[in-house]
Amino acid sequence: MRRAARLGDGWMPYLYSARRYADSVAKIRRFADAAGRDLSAFEWFAFVFVNVDDDADRARQATTEFLGGTYRQDLGDMLDRVAIVGTPDDVAAGLREFVRAGARHLVLAPATRAGALDLAAHLADVVLPRVAVAAASR
């Protein structure tokens, strides 16, 4: 975070919750202020694992399997801190939290072993319009 504040042109952590992201934004701003750096051209990204399904439990299970296989550990207990999963309303609300936390660009990674393109299309068609409307009203 110090290096991003002093030298970087942006910030894009992953496996962050919206709360942790907000904390990192505040720290980077403090570090930049201390260094006398203007962050007006700085880009704020959030890389977020997502899974959306009309059945929230099914989305959670698929995400737990995907991340568990990817990182070779059971992430079920910490799933809500490293991914946004659930119904379209759940996921839209979670993404809006990242926008409120300071993210201006969201990089969404479908957290599924099968149907990633279908999931991406569903995110684009159903979820993201709900996020964009909320972000535009800020």
C-alpha atoms as a PDB file:
ATOM      1  CA  MET A   1       0.000   0.000   0.000  1.00  0.00           C
ATOM      2  CA  ARG A   2       2.862   2.380   0.745  1.00  0.00           C
ATOM      3  CA  ARG A   3       4.435   1.616  -2.628  1.00  0.00           C
ATOM      4  CA  ALA A   4       1.107   2.107  -4.410  1.00  0.00           C
ATOM      5  CA  ALA A   5       0.643   5.439  -2.616  1.00  0.00           C
ATOM      6  CA  ARG A   6       4.132   6.672  -3.467  1.00  0.00           C
ATOM      7  CA  LEU A   7       4.717   5.226  -6.940  1.00  0.00           C
ATOM      8  CA  GLY A   8       1.704   3.421  -8.330  1.00  0.00           C
ATOM      9  CA  ASP A   9      -0.976   4.449 -10.738  1.00  0.00           C
ATOM     10  CA  GLY A  10      -3.631   2.307  -9.105  1.00  0.00           C
ATOM     11  CA  TRP A  11      -4.641  -0.310  -6.560  1.00  0.00           C
ATOM     12  CA  MET A  12      -6.182  -3.726  -7.270  1.00  0.00           C
ATOM     13  CA  PRO A  13      -6.143  -6.204  -4.401  1.00  0.00           C
ATOM     14  CA  TYR A  14      -7.935  -9.533  -4.469  1.00  0.00           C
ATOM     15  CA  LEU A  15      -9.415 -11.806  -1.832  1.00  0.00           C
ATOM     16  CA  TYR A  16     -10.567  -8.658  -0.013  1.00  0.00           C
ATOM     17  CA  SER A  17     -13.920  -7.959   1.554  1.00  0.00           C
ATOM     18  CA  ALA A  18     -15.482  -4.565   0.898  1.00  0.00           C
ATOM     19  CA  ARG A  19     -14.628  -3.535   4.467  1.00  0.00           C
ATOM     20  CA  ARG A  20     -10.990  -4.522   4.040  1.00  0.00           C
ATOM     21  CA  TYR A  21     -10.957  -2.727   0.684  1.00  0.00           C
ATOM     22  CA  ALA A  22     -12.285   0.469   2.323  1.00  0.00           C
ATOM     23  CA  ASP A  23      -9.569   0.208   4.972  1.00  0.00           C
ATOM     24  CA  SER A  24      -6.905  -0.144   2.259  1.00  0.00           C
ATOM     25  CA  VAL A  25      -8.229   2.908   0.396  1.00  0.00           C
ATOM     26  CA  ALA A  26      -8.013   4.966   3.580  1.00  0.00           C
ATOM     27  CA  LYS A  27      -4.447   3.762   4.260  1.00  0.00           C
ATOM     28  CA  ILE A  28      -3.303   4.510   0.720  1.00  0.00           C
ATOM     29  CA  ARG A  29      -4.804   7.992   0.941  1.00  0.00           C
ATOM     30  CA  ARG A  30      -3.004   8.593   4.258  1.00  0.00           C
ATOM     31  CA  PHE A  31       0.311   7.319   2.839  1.00  0.00           C
ATOM     32  CA  ALA A  32      -0.096   9.510  -0.251  1.00  0.00           C
ATOM     33  CA  ASP A  33      -0.904  12.563   1.885  1.00  0.00           C
ATOM     34  CA  ALA A  34       2.183  11.932   4.006  1.00  0.00           C
ATOM     35  CA  ALA A  35       4.293  11.680   0.835  1.00  0.00           C
ATOM     36  CA  GLY A  36       2.710  14.813  -0.644  1.00  0.00           C
ATOM     37  CA  ARG A  37       1.274  12.846  -3.561  1.00  0.00           C
ATOM     38  CA  ASP A  38      -1.891  13.810  -5.419  1.00  0.00           C
ATOM     39  CA  LEU A  39      -4.032  10.740  -6.195  1.00  0.00           C
ATOM     40  CA  SER A  40      -6.498  12.457  -8.530  1.00  0.00           C
ATOM     41  CA  ALA A  41      -5.325  10.282 -11.466  1.00  0.00           C
ATOM     42  CA  PHE A  42      -4.983   7.142  -9.338  1.00  0.00           C
ATOM     43  CA  GLU A  43      -7.212   4.214 -10.396  1.00  0.00           C
ATOM     44  CA  TRP A  44      -9.153   2.184  -7.826  1.00  0.00           C
ATOM     45  CA  PHE A  45      -9.859  -1.416  -8.886  1.00  0.00           C
ATOM     46  CA  ALA A  46     -11.257  -4.357  -6.959  1.00  0.00           C
ATOM     47  CA  PHE A  47     -10.711  -7.918  -8.190  1.00  0.00           C
ATOM     48  CA  VAL A  48     -13.672  -9.894  -6.888  1.00  0.00           C
ATOM     49  CA  PHE A  49     -14.579 -13.562  -7.175  1.00  0.00           C
ATOM     50  CA  VAL A  50     -18.326 -13.816  -7.813  1.00  0.00           C
ATOM     51  CA  ASN A  51     -20.986 -16.442  -8.291  1.00  0.00           C
ATOM     52  CA  VAL A  52     -24.661 -15.751  -8.811  1.00  0.00           C
ATOM     53  CA  ASP A  53     -27.563 -18.169  -8.866  1.00  0.00           C
ATOM     54  CA  ASP A  54     -31.236 -17.897  -8.035  1.00  0.00           C
ATOM     55  CA  ASP A  55     -30.414 -20.492  -5.368  1.00  0.00           C
ATOM     56  CA  ALA A  56     -27.938 -18.779  -3.018  1.00  0.00           C
ATOM     57  CA  ASP A  57     -26.881 -22.075  -1.418  1.00  0.00           C
ATOM     58  CA  ARG A  58     -26.000 -23.519  -4.815  1.00  0.00           C
ATOM     59  CA  ALA A  59     -23.906 -20.422  -5.598  1.00  0.00           C
ATOM     60  CA  ARG A  60     -22.090 -20.762  -2.266  1.00  0.00           C
ATOM     61  CA  GLN A  61     -21.401 -24.447  -2.805  1.00  0.00           C
ATOM     62  CA  ALA A  62     -20.047 -23.929  -6.329  1.00  0.00           C
ATOM     63  CA  THR A  63     -17.840 -21.072  -5.142  1.00  0.00           C
ATOM     64  CA  THR A  64     -16.535 -23.040  -2.172  1.00  0.00           C
ATOM     65  CA  GLU A  65     -15.617 -25.924  -4.487  1.00  0.00           C
ATOM     66  CA  PHE A  66     -13.997 -23.604  -7.033  1.00  0.00           C
ATOM     67  CA  LEU A  67     -11.907 -21.627  -4.557  1.00  0.00           C
ATOM     68  CA  GLY A  68     -11.080 -24.708  -2.503  1.00  0.00           C
ATOM     69  CA  GLY A  69      -9.714 -26.424  -5.598  1.00  0.00           C
ATOM     70  CA  THR A  70      -7.859 -23.341  -6.738  1.00  0.00           C
ATOM     71  CA  TYR A  71      -6.203 -22.623  -3.393  1.00  0.00           C
ATOM     72  CA  ARG A  72      -6.151 -26.237  -2.161  1.00  0.00           C
ATOM     73  CA  GLN A  73      -7.877 -25.487   1.113  1.00  0.00           C
ATOM     74  CA  ASP A  74     -11.376 -25.207   2.480  1.00  0.00           C
ATOM     75  CA  LEU A  75     -12.388 -21.554   2.251  1.00  0.00           C
ATOM     76  CA  GLY A  76     -15.997 -22.139   3.258  1.00  0.00           C
ATOM     77  CA  ASP A  77     -15.673 -20.409   6.627  1.00  0.00           C
ATOM     78  CA  MET A  78     -14.147 -17.312   5.066  1.00  0.00           C
ATOM     79  CA  LEU A  79     -16.133 -17.277   1.821  1.00  0.00           C
ATOM     80  CA  ASP A  80     -17.938 -14.020   2.630  1.00  0.00           C
ATOM     81  CA  ARG A  81     -14.580 -12.282   3.129  1.00  0.00           C
ATOM     82  CA  VAL A  82     -13.064 -13.383  -0.193  1.00  0.00           C
ATOM     83  CA  ALA A  83     -15.998 -13.581  -2.637  1.00  0.00           C
ATOM     84  CA  ILE A  84     -19.461 -12.281  -3.346  1.00  0.00           C
ATOM     85  CA  VAL A  85     -21.979 -15.060  -3.857  1.00  0.00           C
ATOM     86  CA  GLY A  86     -25.713 -15.551  -3.795  1.00  0.00           C
ATOM     87  CA  THR A  87     -28.794 -14.384  -5.616  1.00  0.00           C
ATOM     88  CA  PRO A  88     -28.657 -11.515  -8.125  1.00  0.00           C
ATOM     89  CA  ASP A  89     -29.792  -9.139  -5.368  1.00  0.00           C
ATOM     90  CA  ASP A  90     -27.132 -10.469  -2.965  1.00  0.00           C
ATOM     91  CA  VAL A  91     -24.342 -10.081  -5.506  1.00  0.00           C
ATOM     92  CA  ALA A  92     -25.486  -6.622  -6.628  1.00  0.00           C
ATOM     93  CA  ALA A  93     -25.560  -5.504  -2.995  1.00  0.00           C
ATOM     94  CA  GLY A  94     -22.074  -6.904  -2.396  1.00  0.00           C
ATOM     95  CA  LEU A  95     -20.676  -5.149  -5.452  1.00  0.00           C
ATOM     96  CA  ARG A  96     -22.312  -1.882  -4.410  1.00  0.00           C
ATOM     97  CA  GLU A  97     -20.430  -2.231  -1.103  1.00  0.00           C
ATOM     98  CA  PHE A  98     -17.164  -2.214  -3.068  1.00  0.00           C
ATOM     99  CA  VAL A  99     -18.284   0.913  -4.922  1.00  0.00           C
ATOM    100  CA  ARG A 100     -19.109   2.580  -1.586  1.00  0.00           C
ATOM    101  CA  ALA A 101     -15.697   1.449  -0.320  1.00  0.00           C
ATOM    102  CA  GLY A 102     -13.985   3.373  -3.123  1.00  0.00           C
ATOM    103  CA  ALA A 103     -13.665   0.963  -6.039  1.00  0.00           C
ATOM    104  CA  ARG A 104     -14.245   2.647  -9.392  1.00  0.00           C
ATOM    105  CA  HIS A 105     -13.487  -0.399 -11.543  1.00  0.00           C
ATOM    106  CA  LEU A 106     -14.657  -3.923 -10.729  1.00  0.00           C
ATOM    107  CA  VAL A 107     -12.828  -6.921 -12.166  1.00  0.00           C
ATOM    108  CA  LEU A 108     -15.182  -9.854 -11.734  1.00  0.00           C
ATOM    109  CA  ALA A 109     -13.862 -13.407 -11.777  1.00  0.00           C
ATOM    110  CA  PRO A 110     -16.542 -16.089 -12.192  1.00  0.00           C
ATOM    111  CA  ALA A 111     -16.000 -18.519  -9.321  1.00  0.00           C
ATOM    112  CA  THR A 112     -17.214 -21.707 -10.947  1.00  0.00           C
ATOM    113  CA  ARG A 113     -15.699 -24.731 -12.622  1.00  0.00           C
ATOM    114  CA  ALA A 114     -18.418 -25.027 -15.243  1.00  0.00           C
ATOM    115  CA  GLY A 115     -20.471 -22.425 -17.040  1.00  0.00           C
ATOM    116  CA  ALA A 116     -18.168 -19.440 -16.514  1.00  0.00           C
ATOM    117  CA  LEU A 117     -19.333 -17.805 -19.759  1.00  0.00           C
ATOM    118  CA  ASP A 118     -22.976 -18.258 -18.794  1.00  0.00           C
ATOM    119  CA  LEU A 119     -22.220 -16.808 -15.366  1.00  0.00           C
ATOM    120  CA  ALA A 120     -20.434 -13.824 -16.926  1.00  0.00           C
ATOM    121  CA  ALA A 121     -23.408 -13.201 -19.226  1.00  0.00           C
ATOM    122  CA  HIS A 122     -25.812 -13.405 -16.278  1.00  0.00           C
ATOM    123  CA  LEU A 123     -23.677 -10.941 -14.334  1.00  0.00           C
ATOM    124  CA  ALA A 124     -23.635  -8.547 -17.291  1.00  0.00           C
ATOM    125  CA  ASP A 125     -27.346  -8.845 -18.057  1.00  0.00           C
ATOM    126  CA  VAL A 126     -28.901  -9.065 -14.599  1.00  0.00           C
ATOM    127  CA  VAL A 127     -26.498  -7.985 -11.848  1.00  0.00           C
ATOM    128  CA  LEU A 128     -24.335  -5.193 -13.222  1.00  0.00           C
ATOM    129  CA  PRO A 129     -27.222  -2.943 -14.292  1.00  0.00           C
ATOM    130  CA  ARG A 130     -28.306  -2.894 -10.618  1.00  0.00           C
ATOM    131  CA  VAL A 131     -24.807  -1.894  -9.570  1.00  0.00           C
ATOM    132  CA  ALA A 132     -24.396   0.758 -12.276  1.00  0.00           C
ATOM    133  CA  VAL A 133     -27.651   2.472 -11.366  1.00  0.00           C
ATOM    134  CA  ALA A 134     -26.626   2.645  -7.720  1.00  0.00           C
ATOM    135  CA  ALA A 135     -23.126   3.895  -8.591  1.00  0.00           C
ATOM    136  CA  ALA A 136     -24.497   6.570 -10.911  1.00  0.00           C
ATOM    137  CA  SER A 137     -26.726   7.927  -8.158  1.00  0.00           C
ATOM    138  CA  ARG A 138     -23.731   8.568  -5.856  1.00  0.00           C
END
